[in-house]
Amino acid sequence: MDRRTILTTSSRGLLVESLPFKLYQKAKKFGVWNPADIDFSQDVEDWKKLQPEQREDILRLISQFQAGEEAVTLDLLPLIMAIAKEGRLEEEMYLTTFLFEEAKHTEFFRLLLNALGETGDLSVYHTETYKTIFYDILPAAMDRLMDDQSPEAIAEASTVYNMFVEGVLAETGYFSFYEALEKQGIMPGLLKGIGLLKRDESRHIGYGTFLLQRLICEHPHLFDLVAQKMETLTPYAFQLNQEGVVNDKNRLGAPIEEVMEFTTRQLTVRMEILARARGKKMEEIYRLSETEVGVL
């Protein structure tokens, strides 16, 4: 085992101009919100007035977010360990906030469900497509990092976690929530929390974009691996969108054509941004701006 090198007492210090360090600073400023401070009293009143089928449709999406946030909280640690083993201090510093935020998102949805009195078994809303993604694909990609910290394994994990689960599925879910609730002017506590989650997740996706660009810059063949993985995952996103469609609208009332277009746009944008890494120098990757990786 090589002897440890301490970076912060060397002439290197901290890479304060690097994107990971900037994300760490931004997380300290904007990521410290408390789910317990959100007022769900109006949500409770709105919930009582909804028709049973409306409540079921909203509950389905909440339950999938609840389980998804729990899953990403549990599954993130192997990536943090892999980055730490490489001695990438600023990246690990940022990732400490990443895990904290995922835990906080898990708490938010549970507090909402408790306030609404929805304390039963909600796993009935987890379809086979949903289970394939969150019960199988995500944990398999992340757990692989426990024994394999190769660039290929890290790239696959970040593609599944950051690009697909966060960058496509979660973003599409936010879109559906706003389409259903904001237009009706109901459930302000849920919408407030979703807005805060979305801001946190933009940093998570931004880090994943940085990480994959760094890996592609170091190992150009990884772009094809990432593209192939996204191509493999894409049908699951469309399948998830299609489940429960009634009269060309999803369960929350959003036109399925608009939802599909939103998902397609997210998939395209993710790959376009990653393609920019090819031919870049490593110092350019480290100096990416927050805007360039979509941080709110």
Protein backbone atom coordinates (compact mmCIF):
# COMPACT_ATOMS: atom_id res chain seq x y z
CA MET A 1 0.00 0.00 0.00
CA ASP A 2 1.34 3.41 -1.00
CA ARG A 3 1.87 5.90 1.76
CA ARG A 4 -0.76 8.62 1.90
CA THR A 5 -0.04 12.08 0.51
CA ILE A 6 -1.68 14.96 2.36
CA LEU A 7 -2.80 17.51 -0.20
CA THR A 8 -3.95 20.45 1.88
CA THR A 9 -0.55 20.95 3.55
CA SER A 10 1.31 20.66 0.25
CA SER A 11 1.92 23.42 -2.28
CA ARG A 12 -1.15 22.10 -4.15
CA GLY A 13 -3.61 23.09 -1.45
CA LEU A 14 -7.27 22.94 -2.51
CA LEU A 15 -8.33 23.30 -6.15
CA VAL A 16 -10.74 26.11 -5.35
CA GLU A 17 -11.38 26.94 -9.02
CA SER A 18 -12.37 23.37 -9.91
CA LEU A 19 -16.02 22.56 -10.60
CA PRO A 20 -16.30 19.97 -7.77
CA PHE A 21 -15.13 22.56 -5.22
CA LYS A 22 -17.57 25.14 -6.60
CA LEU A 23 -20.38 22.58 -6.30
CA TYR A 24 -19.33 21.97 -2.69
CA GLN A 25 -19.55 25.70 -2.00
CA LYS A 26 -22.94 25.95 -3.69
CA ALA A 27 -24.26 22.95 -1.74
CA LYS A 28 -23.28 24.63 1.54
CA LYS A 29 -25.14 27.77 0.49
CA PHE A 30 -28.29 26.33 -1.08
CA GLY A 31 -28.49 22.70 0.06
CA VAL A 32 -29.06 23.19 3.77
CA TRP A 33 -32.86 23.31 3.86
CA ASN A 34 -34.87 21.31 6.35
CA PRO A 35 -37.80 19.15 5.17
CA ALA A 36 -39.31 19.50 8.65
CA ASP A 37 -39.71 23.25 8.04
CA ILE A 38 -42.07 22.77 5.08
CA ASP A 39 -45.71 23.45 5.89
CA PHE A 40 -48.00 20.71 4.54
CA SER A 41 -51.21 22.05 6.12
CA GLN A 42 -52.66 23.28 2.80
CA ASP A 43 -51.60 20.04 1.12
CA VAL A 44 -53.64 18.12 3.69
CA GLU A 45 -56.71 20.25 2.92
CA ASP A 46 -56.20 19.92 -0.84
CA TRP A 47 -55.77 16.17 -0.45
CA LYS A 48 -59.15 15.81 1.22
CA LYS A 49 -60.88 17.57 -1.69
CA LEU A 50 -59.34 15.41 -4.43
CA GLN A 51 -61.28 12.60 -6.03
CA PRO A 52 -60.09 9.07 -5.04
CA GLU A 53 -58.65 8.46 -8.53
CA GLN A 54 -56.75 11.78 -8.38
CA ARG A 55 -55.28 10.88 -5.01
CA GLU A 56 -54.25 7.48 -6.31
CA ASP A 57 -52.54 8.98 -9.36
CA ILE A 58 -50.56 11.50 -7.29
CA LEU A 59 -49.79 8.86 -4.66
CA ARG A 60 -48.35 6.60 -7.34
CA LEU A 61 -45.77 9.21 -8.34
CA ILE A 62 -45.00 10.18 -4.74
CA SER A 63 -44.44 6.52 -3.85
CA GLN A 64 -42.05 6.10 -6.77
CA PHE A 65 -40.12 9.20 -5.76
CA GLN A 66 -40.06 8.02 -2.13
CA ALA A 67 -38.61 4.64 -3.06
CA GLY A 68 -36.28 6.19 -5.62
CA GLU A 69 -34.81 8.63 -3.09
CA GLU A 70 -34.31 5.80 -0.60
CA ALA A 71 -32.60 3.74 -3.31
CA VAL A 72 -30.17 6.45 -4.39
CA THR A 73 -29.36 7.20 -0.73
CA LEU A 74 -28.46 3.56 -0.13
CA ASP A 75 -26.63 3.10 -3.44
CA LEU A 76 -24.36 6.17 -3.51
CA LEU A 77 -21.71 5.11 -0.99
CA PRO A 78 -19.69 2.83 -3.33
CA LEU A 79 -19.13 5.76 -5.72
CA ILE A 80 -17.94 7.97 -2.87
CA MET A 81 -15.53 5.22 -1.80
CA ALA A 82 -14.21 4.76 -5.34
CA ILE A 83 -13.56 8.51 -5.70
CA ALA A 84 -11.94 8.66 -2.24
CA LYS A 85 -9.60 5.78 -3.11
CA GLU A 86 -8.35 7.80 -6.06
CA GLY A 87 -7.49 10.67 -3.70
CA ARG A 88 -9.75 13.17 -5.49
CA LEU A 89 -10.28 15.37 -2.44
CA GLU A 90 -12.48 18.13 -3.89
CA GLU A 91 -14.77 15.58 -5.51
CA GLU A 92 -15.15 13.68 -2.25
CA MET A 93 -15.82 16.92 -0.37
CA TYR A 94 -18.68 17.63 -2.76
CA LEU A 95 -19.97 14.04 -2.55
CA THR A 96 -20.38 14.35 1.23
CA THR A 97 -23.10 16.94 0.54
CA PHE A 98 -24.57 14.75 -2.21
CA LEU A 99 -25.27 11.88 0.20
CA PHE A 100 -26.67 14.25 2.84
CA GLU A 101 -29.07 15.70 0.27
CA GLU A 102 -30.31 12.30 -0.89
CA ALA A 103 -31.07 11.39 2.72
CA LYS A 104 -32.90 14.69 3.13
CA HIS A 105 -35.01 14.00 0.00
CA THR A 106 -35.95 10.62 1.45
CA GLU A 107 -37.09 12.37 4.63
CA PHE A 108 -39.10 14.96 2.67
CA PHE A 109 -41.33 12.48 0.88
CA ARG A 110 -41.87 10.44 4.05
CA LEU A 111 -42.90 13.55 6.01
CA LEU A 112 -45.33 14.45 3.22
CA LEU A 113 -46.87 10.97 3.22
CA ASN A 114 -47.21 11.03 7.00
CA ALA A 115 -48.93 14.42 6.86
CA LEU A 116 -51.38 13.11 4.27
CA GLY A 117 -52.10 10.06 6.42
CA GLU A 118 -50.79 7.71 3.73
CA THR A 119 -48.93 5.27 5.97
CA GLY A 120 -49.81 1.98 4.29
CA ASP A 121 -47.75 -0.20 1.96
CA LEU A 122 -47.18 1.87 -1.19
CA SER A 123 -44.94 -0.64 -2.95
CA VAL A 124 -48.06 -1.72 -4.85
CA TYR A 125 -47.37 1.28 -7.08
CA HIS A 126 -43.94 -0.04 -8.09
CA THR A 127 -44.47 -1.56 -11.52
CA GLU A 128 -42.24 -4.24 -13.02
CA THR A 129 -40.48 -1.60 -15.12
CA TYR A 130 -39.88 0.51 -12.03
CA LYS A 131 -38.59 -2.50 -10.10
CA THR A 132 -36.22 -3.45 -12.93
CA ILE A 133 -34.65 0.00 -12.76
CA PHE A 134 -34.54 0.63 -9.00
CA TYR A 135 -34.44 -2.89 -7.58
CA ASP A 136 -32.02 -4.37 -10.14
CA ILE A 137 -30.17 -2.08 -12.59
CA LEU A 138 -29.27 0.76 -10.21
CA PRO A 139 -27.98 -1.31 -7.26
CA ALA A 140 -26.09 -3.68 -9.59
CA ALA A 141 -24.23 -0.80 -11.26
CA MET A 142 -23.38 0.85 -7.94
CA ASP A 143 -22.49 -2.34 -6.03
CA ARG A 144 -20.05 -3.29 -8.78
CA LEU A 145 -17.84 -0.44 -7.54
CA MET A 146 -17.19 -2.28 -4.27
CA ASP A 147 -14.90 -4.68 -6.12
CA ASP A 148 -14.23 -2.89 -9.41
CA GLN A 149 -13.09 0.75 -9.46
CA SER A 150 -12.09 0.69 -13.11
CA PRO A 151 -12.91 3.72 -15.31
CA GLU A 152 -15.46 1.53 -17.10
CA ALA A 153 -17.25 0.60 -13.86
CA ILE A 154 -17.31 4.21 -12.60
CA ALA A 155 -18.58 5.43 -15.98
CA GLU A 156 -21.38 2.85 -15.98
CA ALA A 157 -22.39 3.75 -12.41
CA SER A 158 -22.51 7.47 -13.13
CA THR A 159 -24.43 6.92 -16.36
CA VAL A 160 -27.11 4.88 -14.59
CA TYR A 161 -27.29 7.06 -11.46
CA ASN A 162 -26.64 10.63 -12.63
CA MET A 163 -27.53 10.66 -16.30
CA PHE A 164 -30.50 8.27 -16.35
CA VAL A 165 -32.12 8.03 -12.91
CA GLU A 166 -31.56 11.69 -11.97
CA GLY A 167 -31.14 13.36 -15.35
CA VAL A 168 -34.02 11.64 -17.15
CA LEU A 169 -36.43 9.83 -14.81
CA ALA A 170 -36.46 12.33 -11.92
CA GLU A 171 -36.60 15.33 -14.26
CA THR A 172 -39.57 13.79 -16.06
CA GLY A 173 -41.26 13.19 -12.70
CA TYR A 174 -40.79 16.84 -11.73
CA PHE A 175 -42.32 17.84 -15.05
CA SER A 176 -45.36 15.65 -14.36
CA PHE A 177 -45.80 17.07 -10.84
CA TYR A 178 -45.78 20.65 -12.08
CA GLU A 179 -48.12 19.83 -14.95
CA ALA A 180 -50.60 18.27 -12.52
CA LEU A 181 -50.37 20.44 -9.42
CA GLU A 182 -49.12 23.89 -10.34
CA LYS A 183 -51.75 24.36 -13.03
CA GLN A 184 -54.44 23.45 -10.48
CA GLY A 185 -52.89 25.62 -7.76
CA ILE A 186 -52.85 22.82 -5.20
CA MET A 187 -50.41 21.18 -2.77
CA PRO A 188 -47.96 24.08 -2.29
CA GLY A 189 -45.83 22.21 0.27
CA LEU A 190 -45.17 19.37 -2.15
CA LEU A 191 -44.34 21.83 -4.93
CA LYS A 192 -42.03 23.83 -2.65
CA GLY A 193 -40.15 20.67 -1.74
CA ILE A 194 -39.95 19.59 -5.38
CA GLY A 195 -38.41 22.96 -6.25
CA LEU A 196 -35.76 22.53 -3.55
CA LEU A 197 -35.11 18.92 -4.62
CA LYS A 198 -34.74 19.99 -8.22
CA ARG A 199 -32.10 22.56 -7.26
CA ASP A 200 -30.18 19.94 -5.26
CA GLU A 201 -30.47 17.42 -8.09
CA SER A 202 -29.11 19.92 -10.60
CA ARG A 203 -25.84 19.85 -8.64
CA HIS A 204 -25.90 16.03 -8.57
CA ILE A 205 -26.40 15.86 -12.33
CA GLY A 206 -23.77 18.58 -12.78
CA TYR A 207 -21.25 16.49 -10.85
CA GLY A 208 -22.13 13.39 -12.87
CA THR A 209 -21.64 15.39 -16.06
CA PHE A 210 -18.23 16.56 -14.81
CA LEU A 211 -17.25 13.05 -13.74
CA LEU A 212 -18.18 11.47 -17.06
CA GLN A 213 -16.51 14.26 -19.02
CA ARG A 214 -13.36 13.75 -16.95
CA LEU A 215 -13.44 10.00 -17.59
CA ILE A 216 -14.10 10.45 -21.31
CA CYS A 217 -11.26 12.97 -21.52
CA GLU A 218 -8.92 10.48 -19.83
CA HIS A 219 -10.28 7.43 -21.70
CA PRO A 220 -11.95 8.47 -24.98
CA HIS A 221 -13.37 4.98 -25.63
CA LEU A 222 -15.72 5.48 -22.67
CA PHE A 223 -17.96 7.81 -24.67
CA ASP A 224 -19.15 4.86 -26.74
CA LEU A 225 -19.68 2.80 -23.57
CA VAL A 226 -21.78 5.58 -22.04
CA ALA A 227 -23.77 6.08 -25.25
CA GLN A 228 -24.46 2.36 -25.48
CA LYS A 229 -25.58 2.23 -21.85
CA MET A 230 -27.96 5.14 -22.36
CA GLU A 231 -29.34 3.47 -25.46
CA THR A 232 -29.97 0.31 -23.43
CA LEU A 233 -31.72 2.27 -20.68
CA THR A 234 -33.87 4.49 -22.91
CA PRO A 235 -36.71 1.96 -23.48
CA TYR A 236 -37.24 1.73 -19.71
CA ALA A 237 -37.87 5.48 -19.54
CA PHE A 238 -40.47 5.35 -22.30
CA GLN A 239 -42.04 2.24 -20.79
CA LEU A 240 -42.35 3.93 -17.40
CA ASN A 241 -44.01 6.93 -19.07
CA GLN A 242 -46.54 4.71 -20.83
CA GLU A 243 -47.71 2.86 -17.75
CA GLY A 244 -51.11 4.04 -16.65
CA VAL A 245 -51.80 6.21 -19.70
CA VAL A 246 -55.52 6.93 -20.14
CA ASN A 247 -56.92 8.81 -23.14
CA ASP A 248 -53.45 9.93 -24.26
CA LYS A 249 -52.65 11.45 -20.87
CA ASN A 250 -50.53 10.11 -18.03
CA ARG A 251 -52.04 9.47 -14.61
CA LEU A 252 -51.47 13.07 -13.53
CA GLY A 253 -53.19 14.53 -16.57
CA ALA A 254 -50.13 15.55 -18.56
CA PRO A 255 -50.45 14.78 -22.30
CA ILE A 256 -48.31 11.69 -22.90
CA GLU A 257 -46.92 13.21 -26.08
CA GLU A 258 -45.53 16.14 -24.08
CA VAL A 259 -44.08 13.80 -21.44
CA MET A 260 -42.42 11.67 -24.13
CA GLU A 261 -41.00 14.77 -25.81
CA PHE A 262 -39.63 15.98 -22.47
CA THR A 263 -37.97 12.60 -21.81
CA THR A 264 -36.48 12.50 -25.30
CA ARG A 265 -35.13 16.02 -24.86
CA GLN A 266 -33.49 15.07 -21.56
CA LEU A 267 -31.85 12.02 -23.15
CA THR A 268 -30.55 14.08 -26.07
CA VAL A 269 -29.25 16.93 -23.93
CA ARG A 270 -27.31 14.57 -21.62
CA MET A 271 -25.44 12.98 -24.52
CA GLU A 272 -24.79 16.29 -26.29
CA ILE A 273 -23.14 17.69 -23.18
CA LEU A 274 -21.00 14.58 -22.69
CA ALA A 275 -19.92 14.65 -26.34
CA ARG A 276 -18.24 18.00 -25.68
CA ALA A 277 -15.60 16.24 -23.57
CA ARG A 278 -14.01 14.66 -26.62
CA GLY A 279 -10.95 16.63 -27.63
CA LYS A 280 -10.93 18.81 -24.51
CA LYS A 281 -7.91 19.18 -22.26
CA MET A 282 -8.21 18.05 -18.66
CA GLU A 283 -7.78 21.56 -17.29
CA GLU A 284 -10.80 22.62 -19.36
CA ILE A 285 -12.88 19.88 -17.76
CA TYR A 286 -11.91 20.97 -14.25
CA ARG A 287 -12.76 24.58 -15.07
CA LEU A 288 -16.22 23.85 -16.45
CA SER A 289 -18.71 26.45 -15.22
CA GLU A 290 -21.79 25.49 -13.26
CA THR A 291 -23.92 26.84 -16.11
CA GLU A 292 -22.23 24.52 -18.60
CA VAL A 293 -23.34 21.45 -16.62
CA GLY A 294 -26.84 22.76 -15.90
CA VAL A 295 -26.58 23.69 -12.21
CA LEU A 296 -29.45 25.86 -10.96
